[in-house]
């Protein structure tokens, strides 16, 4: 039996992870799992701890291990802690000896993509054997490259064999938010269901709901979802970033405050990097023109 299927042992911990419920994953009771599925559950717990900010603790725990999956986790922890070069060296070494390992593919693809090596990440992830985690990452990478067509193609192909799994629904919703039109509403239904159910609600799903609300022009509903997210985690940089976007769209007066707050929480947040790039491009364009006094 597939451990990630609806009847499988790992379905709950796997869904918790992809719903952004990382604390639930870290605290998950794995004592009743079979010896066959225990290692996979541990990998998810280690990844969740990295997401929660315990990269140093995770690295110390797996340091010295020889299992390729745990070596990949160590690389993920190193990258999260700011040691990207060392992380890449580990992943590149694993690609020579364990590229067929599912965790090496997933975690290695994550490390490569985060380091700006998107093509290498896709090449690695494309070796997967019906692995939805790999599909989801490939979709995210294509979207980051503005290749909505390739992302949609990946989702359609996965839908044929994965049908109604959580990850396929999420991936399809990510694409929907980028494609737009009637797909905004379809994405909203998925995100709202996850965000408002106590069993699946998390900061991540609430932010996703808010983003879909913004695309639908429902600013009040989007603000309510973001406030709910910040109540759950006042230090959520993504929630603050989207509040900044909401403030700009609605002409609010909190833009400067939200920008300063985001810089405090995550100075390297993609939104700030994008704003800085756009500002530099504007200044460069403006410098080509100078006011001329009328004679």
C-alpha atoms as a PDB file:
ATOM      1  CA  UNK A   1       0.000   0.000   0.000  1.00  0.00           C
ATOM      2  CA  UNK A   2       1.158   3.526  -0.809  1.00  0.00           C
ATOM      3  CA  UNK A   3       1.927   5.085   2.625  1.00  0.00           C
ATOM      4  CA  UNK A   4       0.789   8.487   1.293  1.00  0.00           C
ATOM      5  CA  UNK A   5      -2.577   7.226   0.016  1.00  0.00           C
ATOM      6  CA  UNK A   6      -5.819   7.946   1.852  1.00  0.00           C
ATOM      7  CA  UNK A   7      -5.450   4.645   3.692  1.00  0.00           C
ATOM      8  CA  UNK A   8      -1.671   4.886   4.188  1.00  0.00           C
ATOM      9  CA  UNK A   9       0.201   5.420   7.454  1.00  0.00           C
ATOM     10  CA  UNK A  10       1.850   8.669   6.369  1.00  0.00           C
ATOM     11  CA  UNK A  11      -1.164  10.490   4.936  1.00  0.00           C
ATOM     12  CA  UNK A  12      -1.784  12.654   8.026  1.00  0.00           C
ATOM     13  CA  UNK A  13       1.794  13.745   8.708  1.00  0.00           C
ATOM     14  CA  UNK A  14       2.329  14.322   4.981  1.00  0.00           C
ATOM     15  CA  UNK A  15      -0.780  16.488   4.718  1.00  0.00           C
ATOM     16  CA  UNK A  16       0.176  18.422   7.848  1.00  0.00           C
ATOM     17  CA  UNK A  17       3.523  19.232   6.235  1.00  0.00           C
ATOM     18  CA  UNK A  18       2.081  20.499   2.977  1.00  0.00           C
ATOM     19  CA  UNK A  19      -0.630  22.462   4.770  1.00  0.00           C
ATOM     20  CA  UNK A  20       2.140  24.362   6.541  1.00  0.00           C
ATOM     21  CA  UNK A  21       1.335  22.829   9.943  1.00  0.00           C
ATOM     22  CA  UNK A  22       4.991  22.341  10.766  1.00  0.00           C
ATOM     23  CA  UNK A  23       4.614  22.210  14.538  1.00  0.00           C
ATOM     24  CA  UNK A  24       2.075  19.417  14.190  1.00  0.00           C
ATOM     25  CA  UNK A  25       4.570  17.532  12.038  1.00  0.00           C
ATOM     26  CA  UNK A  26       7.422  18.066  14.501  1.00  0.00           C
ATOM     27  CA  UNK A  27       5.234  16.869  17.390  1.00  0.00           C
ATOM     28  CA  UNK A  28       3.637  13.977  15.493  1.00  0.00           C
ATOM     29  CA  UNK A  29       3.565  10.691  17.406  1.00  0.00           C
ATOM     30  CA  UNK A  30       5.389   8.223  15.168  1.00  0.00           C
ATOM     31  CA  UNK A  31       5.537   5.389  17.706  1.00  0.00           C
ATOM     32  CA  UNK A  32       2.726   3.445  16.027  1.00  0.00           C
ATOM     33  CA  UNK A  33       4.231   3.618  12.534  1.00  0.00           C
ATOM     34  CA  UNK A  34       5.708   0.543  10.918  1.00  0.00           C
ATOM     35  CA  UNK A  35       9.482   0.227  10.714  1.00  0.00           C
ATOM     36  CA  UNK A  36       9.148   0.666   6.947  1.00  0.00           C
ATOM     37  CA  UNK A  37       7.526   4.103   7.225  1.00  0.00           C
ATOM     38  CA  UNK A  38       9.365   5.402  10.282  1.00  0.00           C
ATOM     39  CA  UNK A  39      12.331   6.842   8.342  1.00  0.00           C
ATOM     40  CA  UNK A  40      10.072   8.750   5.936  1.00  0.00           C
ATOM     41  CA  UNK A  41       8.180  10.256   8.880  1.00  0.00           C
ATOM     42  CA  UNK A  42      11.466  11.306  10.476  1.00  0.00           C
ATOM     43  CA  UNK A  43      12.514  13.053   7.255  1.00  0.00           C
ATOM     44  CA  UNK A  44       9.273  15.037   7.281  1.00  0.00           C
ATOM     45  CA  UNK A  45       9.812  15.966  10.931  1.00  0.00           C
ATOM     46  CA  UNK A  46      13.360  17.135  10.264  1.00  0.00           C
ATOM     47  CA  UNK A  47      12.215  19.221   7.309  1.00  0.00           C
ATOM     48  CA  UNK A  48       9.449  20.707   9.469  1.00  0.00           C
ATOM     49  CA  UNK A  49      11.966  21.652  12.151  1.00  0.00           C
ATOM     50  CA  UNK A  50      14.085  23.430   9.550  1.00  0.00           C
ATOM     51  CA  UNK A  51      10.984  25.330   8.438  1.00  0.00           C
ATOM     52  CA  UNK A  52      10.334  26.264  12.077  1.00  0.00           C
ATOM     53  CA  UNK A  53      13.812  27.771  12.386  1.00  0.00           C
ATOM     54  CA  UNK A  54      15.671  24.913  14.052  1.00  0.00           C
ATOM     55  CA  UNK A  55      18.200  24.467  11.244  1.00  0.00           C
ATOM     56  CA  UNK A  56      21.176  24.383  13.597  1.00  0.00           C
ATOM     57  CA  UNK A  57      19.571  21.731  15.793  1.00  0.00           C
ATOM     58  CA  UNK A  58      18.691  19.595  12.780  1.00  0.00           C
ATOM     59  CA  UNK A  59      22.205  19.866  11.364  1.00  0.00           C
ATOM     60  CA  UNK A  60      23.732  18.769  14.653  1.00  0.00           C
ATOM     61  CA  UNK A  61      21.338  15.815  14.813  1.00  0.00           C
ATOM     62  CA  UNK A  62      22.187  14.466  11.351  1.00  0.00           C
ATOM     63  CA  UNK A  63      25.872  15.376  11.280  1.00  0.00           C
ATOM     64  CA  UNK A  64      27.973  12.262  10.885  1.00  0.00           C
ATOM     65  CA  UNK A  65      25.157  10.187   9.377  1.00  0.00           C
ATOM     66  CA  UNK A  66      25.857   8.170   6.221  1.00  0.00           C
ATOM     67  CA  UNK A  67      22.280   7.754   4.973  1.00  0.00           C
ATOM     68  CA  UNK A  68      21.948   9.845   1.742  1.00  0.00           C
ATOM     69  CA  UNK A  69      18.510  11.076   2.853  1.00  0.00           C
ATOM     70  CA  UNK A  70      19.906  12.424   6.123  1.00  0.00           C
ATOM     71  CA  UNK A  71      22.914  13.930   4.341  1.00  0.00           C
ATOM     72  CA  UNK A  72      20.445  15.802   2.112  1.00  0.00           C
ATOM     73  CA  UNK A  73      18.578  17.022   5.179  1.00  0.00           C
ATOM     74  CA  UNK A  74      21.878  18.245   6.586  1.00  0.00           C
ATOM     75  CA  UNK A  75      22.440  20.237   3.406  1.00  0.00           C
ATOM     76  CA  UNK A  76      18.956  21.748   3.686  1.00  0.00           C
ATOM     77  CA  UNK A  77      19.690  22.765   7.280  1.00  0.00           C
ATOM     78  CA  UNK A  78      23.027  24.276   6.260  1.00  0.00           C
ATOM     79  CA  UNK A  79      21.432  26.334   3.516  1.00  0.00           C
ATOM     80  CA  UNK A  80      18.732  27.543   5.905  1.00  0.00           C
ATOM     81  CA  UNK A  81      21.470  28.577   8.311  1.00  0.00           C
ATOM     82  CA  UNK A  82      23.225  30.589   5.587  1.00  0.00           C
ATOM     83  CA  UNK A  83      25.911  28.098   4.535  1.00  0.00           C
ATOM     84  CA  UNK A  84      24.777  27.757   0.946  1.00  0.00           C
ATOM     85  CA  UNK A  85      28.122  26.808  -0.601  1.00  0.00           C
ATOM     86  CA  UNK A  86      28.605  23.902   1.789  1.00  0.00           C
ATOM     87  CA  UNK A  87      25.011  22.799   1.201  1.00  0.00           C
ATOM     88  CA  UNK A  88      25.481  22.812  -2.564  1.00  0.00           C
ATOM     89  CA  UNK A  89      28.712  20.844  -2.271  1.00  0.00           C
ATOM     90  CA  UNK A  90      26.876  18.151  -0.309  1.00  0.00           C
ATOM     91  CA  UNK A  91      24.012  17.957  -2.795  1.00  0.00           C
ATOM     92  CA  UNK A  92      26.370  17.835  -5.785  1.00  0.00           C
ATOM     93  CA  UNK A  93      28.208  14.963  -4.124  1.00  0.00           C
ATOM     94  CA  UNK A  94      24.939  13.117  -3.512  1.00  0.00           C
ATOM     95  CA  UNK A  95      23.920  13.542  -7.142  1.00  0.00           C
ATOM     96  CA  UNK A  96      26.883  11.391  -8.121  1.00  0.00           C
ATOM     97  CA  UNK A  97      25.996   8.541  -5.774  1.00  0.00           C
ATOM     98  CA  UNK A  98      22.313   8.704  -4.820  1.00  0.00           C
ATOM     99  CA  UNK A  99      20.384  10.693  -7.438  1.00  0.00           C
ATOM    100  CA  UNK A 100      17.709   7.997  -7.453  1.00  0.00           C
ATOM    101  CA  UNK A 101      16.939   8.499  -3.745  1.00  0.00           C
ATOM    102  CA  UNK A 102      13.535  10.201  -3.362  1.00  0.00           C
ATOM    103  CA  UNK A 103      14.642  12.412  -0.465  1.00  0.00           C
ATOM    104  CA  UNK A 104      17.826  13.417  -2.292  1.00  0.00           C
ATOM    105  CA  UNK A 105      15.663  14.406  -5.255  1.00  0.00           C
ATOM    106  CA  UNK A 106      13.158  16.418  -3.211  1.00  0.00           C
ATOM    107  CA  UNK A 107      15.540  18.062  -0.756  1.00  0.00           C
ATOM    108  CA  UNK A 108      18.303  18.401  -3.343  1.00  0.00           C
ATOM    109  CA  UNK A 109      15.880  20.058  -5.724  1.00  0.00           C
ATOM    110  CA  UNK A 110      14.835  22.447  -2.962  1.00  0.00           C
ATOM    111  CA  UNK A 111      18.434  23.401  -2.178  1.00  0.00           C
ATOM    112  CA  UNK A 112      19.350  23.840  -5.849  1.00  0.00           C
ATOM    113  CA  UNK A 113      16.274  25.934  -6.635  1.00  0.00           C
ATOM    114  CA  UNK A 114      16.808  28.139  -3.582  1.00  0.00           C
ATOM    115  CA  UNK A 115      20.385  28.732  -4.737  1.00  0.00           C
ATOM    116  CA  UNK A 116      19.200  29.914  -8.137  1.00  0.00           C
ATOM    117  CA  UNK A 117      20.020  26.674  -9.956  1.00  0.00           C
ATOM    118  CA  UNK A 118      16.530  26.115 -11.324  1.00  0.00           C
ATOM    119  CA  UNK A 119      17.511  24.095 -14.384  1.00  0.00           C
ATOM    120  CA  UNK A 120      19.637  21.723 -12.310  1.00  0.00           C
ATOM    121  CA  UNK A 121      16.789  21.369  -9.823  1.00  0.00           C
ATOM    122  CA  UNK A 122      14.276  20.453 -12.504  1.00  0.00           C
ATOM    123  CA  UNK A 123      16.702  17.981 -14.072  1.00  0.00           C
ATOM    124  CA  UNK A 124      17.035  16.241 -10.710  1.00  0.00           C
ATOM    125  CA  UNK A 125      13.350  16.354  -9.806  1.00  0.00           C
ATOM    126  CA  UNK A 126      12.317  15.050 -13.224  1.00  0.00           C
ATOM    127  CA  UNK A 127      13.901  11.708 -12.336  1.00  0.00           C
ATOM    128  CA  UNK A 128      11.110  11.062  -9.813  1.00  0.00           C
ATOM    129  CA  UNK A 129       9.002   7.925  -9.861  1.00  0.00           C
ATOM    130  CA  UNK A 130       5.394   9.131  -9.438  1.00  0.00           C
ATOM    131  CA  UNK A 131       6.360  11.391  -6.525  1.00  0.00           C
ATOM    132  CA  UNK A 132       3.912  14.225  -5.875  1.00  0.00           C
ATOM    133  CA  UNK A 133       6.408  16.171  -3.780  1.00  0.00           C
ATOM    134  CA  UNK A 134       8.648  16.331  -6.837  1.00  0.00           C
ATOM    135  CA  UNK A 135       5.729  17.396  -9.022  1.00  0.00           C
ATOM    136  CA  UNK A 136       4.830  20.191  -6.610  1.00  0.00           C
ATOM    137  CA  UNK A 137       8.398  21.499  -6.581  1.00  0.00           C
ATOM    138  CA  UNK A 138       8.656  21.368 -10.364  1.00  0.00           C
ATOM    139  CA  UNK A 139       5.428  23.379 -10.590  1.00  0.00           C
ATOM    140  CA  UNK A 140       6.769  25.973  -8.140  1.00  0.00           C
ATOM    141  CA  UNK A 141      10.010  26.326 -10.078  1.00  0.00           C
ATOM    142  CA  UNK A 142       8.205  26.756 -13.403  1.00  0.00           C
ATOM    143  CA  UNK A 143       5.979  29.425 -11.827  1.00  0.00           C
ATOM    144  CA  UNK A 144       9.043  31.235 -10.477  1.00  0.00           C
ATOM    145  CA  UNK A 145      10.348  31.284 -14.059  1.00  0.00           C
ATOM    146  CA  UNK A 146       7.017  32.663 -15.335  1.00  0.00           C
ATOM    147  CA  UNK A 147       6.490  29.446 -17.321  1.00  0.00           C
ATOM    148  CA  UNK A 148       2.835  29.038 -16.476  1.00  0.00           C
ATOM    149  CA  UNK A 149       2.402  26.783 -19.493  1.00  0.00           C
ATOM    150  CA  UNK A 150       4.934  24.254 -18.235  1.00  0.00           C
ATOM    151  CA  UNK A 151       3.535  24.420 -14.705  1.00  0.00           C
ATOM    152  CA  UNK A 152       0.023  23.724 -15.988  1.00  0.00           C
ATOM    153  CA  UNK A 153       1.306  20.868 -18.157  1.00  0.00           C
ATOM    154  CA  UNK A 154       2.928  19.298 -15.086  1.00  0.00           C
ATOM    155  CA  UNK A 155      -0.296  19.540 -13.072  1.00  0.00           C
ATOM    156  CA  UNK A 156      -2.431  18.086 -15.850  1.00  0.00           C
ATOM    157  CA  UNK A 157      -0.065  15.133 -16.216  1.00  0.00           C
ATOM    158  CA  UNK A 158      -0.029  14.477 -12.459  1.00  0.00           C
ATOM    159  CA  UNK A 159      -3.814  14.708 -12.238  1.00  0.00           C
ATOM    160  CA  UNK A 160      -4.062  11.615 -14.457  1.00  0.00           C
ATOM    161  CA  UNK A 161      -2.412   9.376 -11.858  1.00  0.00           C
ATOM    162  CA  UNK A 162      -2.783  11.288  -8.583  1.00  0.00           C
ATOM    163  CA  UNK A 163      -6.409  12.347  -9.076  1.00  0.00           C
ATOM    164  CA  UNK A 164      -7.725  14.249  -6.020  1.00  0.00           C
ATOM    165  CA  UNK A 165      -4.688  14.301  -3.736  1.00  0.00           C
ATOM    166  CA  UNK A 166      -3.968  17.371  -1.612  1.00  0.00           C
ATOM    167  CA  UNK A 167      -0.718  18.217  -3.405  1.00  0.00           C
ATOM    168  CA  UNK A 168      -2.289  18.086  -6.854  1.00  0.00           C
ATOM    169  CA  UNK A 169      -5.104  20.364  -5.671  1.00  0.00           C
ATOM    170  CA  UNK A 170      -2.583  22.779  -4.181  1.00  0.00           C
ATOM    171  CA  UNK A 171      -0.379  22.759  -7.273  1.00  0.00           C
ATOM    172  CA  UNK A 172      -3.378  23.360  -9.503  1.00  0.00           C
ATOM    173  CA  UNK A 173      -4.406  26.265  -7.266  1.00  0.00           C
ATOM    174  CA  UNK A 174      -0.925  27.829  -7.407  1.00  0.00           C
ATOM    175  CA  UNK A 175      -1.147  27.735 -11.185  1.00  0.00           C
ATOM    176  CA  UNK A 176      -4.686  29.100 -11.048  1.00  0.00           C
ATOM    177  CA  UNK A 177      -3.586  32.169  -9.114  1.00  0.00           C
ATOM    178  CA  UNK A 178      -0.989  32.872 -11.801  1.00  0.00           C
ATOM    179  CA  UNK A 179      -3.198  32.144 -14.814  1.00  0.00           C
ATOM    180  CA  UNK A 180      -6.158  34.139 -13.499  1.00  0.00           C
ATOM    181  CA  UNK A 181      -9.671  34.473 -14.849  1.00  0.00           C
ATOM    182  CA  UNK A 182     -12.108  31.881 -13.554  1.00  0.00           C
ATOM    183  CA  UNK A 183      -9.176  29.993 -12.045  1.00  0.00           C
ATOM    184  CA  UNK A 184      -8.967  32.617  -9.265  1.00  0.00           C
ATOM    185  CA  UNK A 185     -12.283  31.402  -7.891  1.00  0.00           C
ATOM    186  CA  UNK A 186     -11.282  27.751  -8.190  1.00  0.00           C
ATOM    187  CA  UNK A 187      -8.070  28.426  -6.280  1.00  0.00           C
ATOM    188  CA  UNK A 188      -9.990  30.343  -3.636  1.00  0.00           C
ATOM    189  CA  UNK A 189     -12.280  27.378  -2.944  1.00  0.00           C
ATOM    190  CA  UNK A 190      -9.262  25.138  -2.271  1.00  0.00           C
ATOM    191  CA  UNK A 191      -7.397  27.622  -0.092  1.00  0.00           C
ATOM    192  CA  UNK A 192     -10.460  28.725   1.859  1.00  0.00           C
ATOM    193  CA  UNK A 193     -11.435  25.137   2.653  1.00  0.00           C
ATOM    194  CA  UNK A 194      -7.957  24.453   4.006  1.00  0.00           C
ATOM    195  CA  UNK A 195      -7.631  27.764   5.839  1.00  0.00           C
ATOM    196  CA  UNK A 196     -10.969  27.686   7.617  1.00  0.00           C
ATOM    197  CA  UNK A 197     -10.986  24.047   8.705  1.00  0.00           C
ATOM    198  CA  UNK A 198      -9.446  23.536  12.169  1.00  0.00           C
ATOM    199  CA  UNK A 199      -7.862  20.314  10.919  1.00  0.00           C
ATOM    200  CA  UNK A 200      -5.903  22.014   8.131  1.00  0.00           C
ATOM    201  CA  UNK A 201      -5.686  25.714   9.015  1.00  0.00           C
ATOM    202  CA  UNK A 202      -2.233  27.267   9.229  1.00  0.00           C
ATOM    203  CA  UNK A 203      -0.527  30.577   8.577  1.00  0.00           C
ATOM    204  CA  UNK A 204       0.399  29.315   5.122  1.00  0.00           C
ATOM    205  CA  UNK A 205      -3.157  28.365   4.138  1.00  0.00           C
ATOM    206  CA  UNK A 206      -4.550  31.622   5.551  1.00  0.00           C
ATOM    207  CA  UNK A 207      -2.065  33.656   3.513  1.00  0.00           C
ATOM    208  CA  UNK A 208      -2.963  31.608   0.432  1.00  0.00           C
ATOM    209  CA  UNK A 209      -6.642  32.347   1.032  1.00  0.00           C
ATOM    210  CA  UNK A 210      -5.855  36.056   1.401  1.00  0.00           C
ATOM    211  CA  UNK A 211      -3.899  36.099  -1.868  1.00  0.00           C
ATOM    212  CA  UNK A 212      -6.795  34.527  -3.743  1.00  0.00           C
ATOM    213  CA  UNK A 213      -9.185  37.024  -2.098  1.00  0.00           C
ATOM    214  CA  UNK A 214      -6.973  39.896  -3.297  1.00  0.00           C
ATOM    215  CA  UNK A 215      -7.072  38.613  -6.855  1.00  0.00           C
ATOM    216  CA  UNK A 216     -10.854  38.486  -6.622  1.00  0.00           C
ATOM    217  CA  UNK A 217     -10.926  42.098  -5.421  1.00  0.00           C
ATOM    218  CA  UNK A 218     -12.192  41.217  -1.935  1.00  0.00           C
ATOM    219  CA  UNK A 219      -9.880  43.382   0.138  1.00  0.00           C
ATOM    220  CA  UNK A 220     -11.870  43.218   3.386  1.00  0.00           C
ATOM    221  CA  UNK A 221     -11.941  39.428   3.318  1.00  0.00           C
ATOM    222  CA  UNK A 222      -8.236  39.354   2.464  1.00  0.00           C
ATOM    223  CA  UNK A 223      -7.416  41.601   5.415  1.00  0.00           C
ATOM    224  CA  UNK A 224      -9.457  39.402   7.757  1.00  0.00           C
ATOM    225  CA  UNK A 225      -7.534  36.306   6.634  1.00  0.00           C
ATOM    226  CA  UNK A 226      -4.168  38.080   7.028  1.00  0.00           C
ATOM    227  CA  UNK A 227      -5.089  39.341  10.478  1.00  0.00           C
ATOM    228  CA  UNK A 228      -6.037  35.785  11.410  1.00  0.00           C
ATOM    229  CA  UNK A 229      -2.649  34.608  10.131  1.00  0.00           C
ATOM    230  CA  UNK A 230      -0.767  37.246  12.118  1.00  0.00           C
ATOM    231  CA  UNK A 231      -2.737  36.375  15.226  1.00  0.00           C
ATOM    232  CA  UNK A 232      -1.454  32.820  14.834  1.00  0.00           C
ATOM    233  CA  UNK A 233       2.094  33.995  14.062  1.00  0.00           C
ATOM    234  CA  UNK A 234       2.897  37.706  14.542  1.00  0.00           C
ATOM    235  CA  UNK A 235       6.293  37.139  12.905  1.00  0.00           C
ATOM    236  CA  UNK A 236       5.010  35.727   9.617  1.00  0.00           C
ATOM    237  CA  UNK A 237       6.911  37.661   6.977  1.00  0.00           C
ATOM    238  CA  UNK A 238       4.608  36.416   4.206  1.00  0.00           C
ATOM    239  CA  UNK A 239       1.527  37.663   6.038  1.00  0.00           C
ATOM    240  CA  UNK A 240       3.133  41.072   6.578  1.00  0.00           C
ATOM    241  CA  UNK A 241       4.265  41.186   2.929  1.00  0.00           C
ATOM    242  CA  UNK A 242       0.727  40.610   1.745  1.00  0.00           C
ATOM    243  CA  UNK A 243      -0.594  43.205   4.178  1.00  0.00           C
ATOM    244  CA  UNK A 244       1.816  45.609   2.498  1.00  0.00           C
ATOM    245  CA  UNK A 245       0.404  44.685  -0.907  1.00  0.00           C
ATOM    246  CA  UNK A 246      -3.132  45.080   0.454  1.00  0.00           C
ATOM    247  CA  UNK A 247      -2.281  48.512   1.861  1.00  0.00           C
ATOM    248  CA  UNK A 248      -0.971  49.682  -1.500  1.00  0.00           C
ATOM    249  CA  UNK A 249      -3.978  48.328  -3.390  1.00  0.00           C
ATOM    250  CA  UNK A 250      -6.481  49.899  -1.006  1.00  0.00           C
ATOM    251  CA  UNK A 251      -4.618  53.200  -0.678  1.00  0.00           C
ATOM    252  CA  UNK A 252      -4.065  52.688   3.035  1.00  0.00           C
ATOM    253  CA  UNK A 253      -1.722  54.700   5.213  1.00  0.00           C
ATOM    254  CA  UNK A 254       0.078  51.706   6.727  1.00  0.00           C
ATOM    255  CA  UNK A 255       2.418  51.108   3.773  1.00  0.00           C
ATOM    256  CA  UNK A 256       5.541  52.581   5.373  1.00  0.00           C
ATOM    257  CA  UNK A 257       4.869  50.769   8.649  1.00  0.00           C
ATOM    258  CA  UNK A 258       4.328  47.452   6.883  1.00  0.00           C
ATOM    259  CA  UNK A 259       7.506  47.920   4.836  1.00  0.00           C
ATOM    260  CA  UNK A 260       9.553  48.650   7.954  1.00  0.00           C
ATOM    261  CA  UNK A 261       8.010  45.672   9.743  1.00  0.00           C
ATOM    262  CA  UNK A 262       8.821  43.368   6.829  1.00  0.00           C
ATOM    263  CA  UNK A 263      12.427  44.568   6.745  1.00  0.00           C
ATOM    264  CA  UNK A 264      12.709  43.743  10.428  1.00  0.00           C
ATOM    265  CA  UNK A 265      11.229  40.270  10.018  1.00  0.00           C
ATOM    266  CA  UNK A 266      12.988  39.313   6.786  1.00  0.00           C
ATOM    267  CA  UNK A 267      15.271  41.823   5.114  1.00  0.00           C
ATOM    268  CA  UNK A 268      15.805  39.390   2.232  1.00  0.00           C
ATOM    269  CA  UNK A 269      12.105  38.784   1.552  1.00  0.00           C
ATOM    270  CA  UNK A 270      11.381  38.443  -2.201  1.00  0.00           C
ATOM    271  CA  UNK A 271       8.873  41.318  -2.103  1.00  0.00           C
ATOM    272  CA  UNK A 272      11.508  43.716  -0.760  1.00  0.00           C
ATOM    273  CA  UNK A 273      14.021  42.531  -3.346  1.00  0.00           C
ATOM    274  CA  UNK A 274      11.447  43.054  -6.095  1.00  0.00           C
ATOM    275  CA  UNK A 275      10.560  46.532  -4.827  1.00  0.00           C
ATOM    276  CA  UNK A 276      14.225  47.503  -4.704  1.00  0.00           C
ATOM    277  CA  UNK A 277      14.795  46.234  -8.232  1.00  0.00           C
ATOM    278  CA  UNK A 278      11.766  48.118  -9.553  1.00  0.00           C
ATOM    279  CA  UNK A 279      12.905  51.287  -7.757  1.00  0.00           C
ATOM    280  CA  UNK A 280      16.360  51.055  -9.301  1.00  0.00           C
ATOM    281  CA  UNK A 281      14.887  50.523 -12.766  1.00  0.00           C
ATOM    282  CA  UNK A 282      12.616  53.542 -12.299  1.00  0.00           C
ATOM    283  CA  UNK A 283      15.497  55.748 -11.156  1.00  0.00           C
ATOM    284  CA  UNK A 284      17.583  54.572 -14.118  1.00  0.00           C
ATOM    285  CA  UNK A 285      14.788  55.403 -16.552  1.00  0.00           C
ATOM    286  CA  UNK A 286      14.085  58.753 -14.897  1.00  0.00           C
ATOM    287  CA  UNK A 287      17.746  59.735 -15.078  1.00  0.00           C
ATOM    288  CA  UNK A 288      17.493  59.801 -18.869  1.00  0.00           C
ATOM    289  CA  UNK A 289      15.126  62.722 -18.678  1.00  0.00           C
ATOM    290  CA  UNK A 290      15.721  66.153 -17.243  1.00  0.00           C
ATOM    291  CA  UNK A 291      13.376  69.061 -16.816  1.00  0.00           C
ATOM    292  CA  UNK A 292      13.905  71.873 -19.286  1.00  0.00           C
ATOM    293  CA  UNK A 293      12.920  75.422 -18.473  1.00  0.00           C
ATOM    294  CA  UNK A 294      10.836  77.184 -21.089  1.00  0.00           C
ATOM    295  CA  UNK A 295      12.600  80.072 -22.791  1.00  0.00           C
END
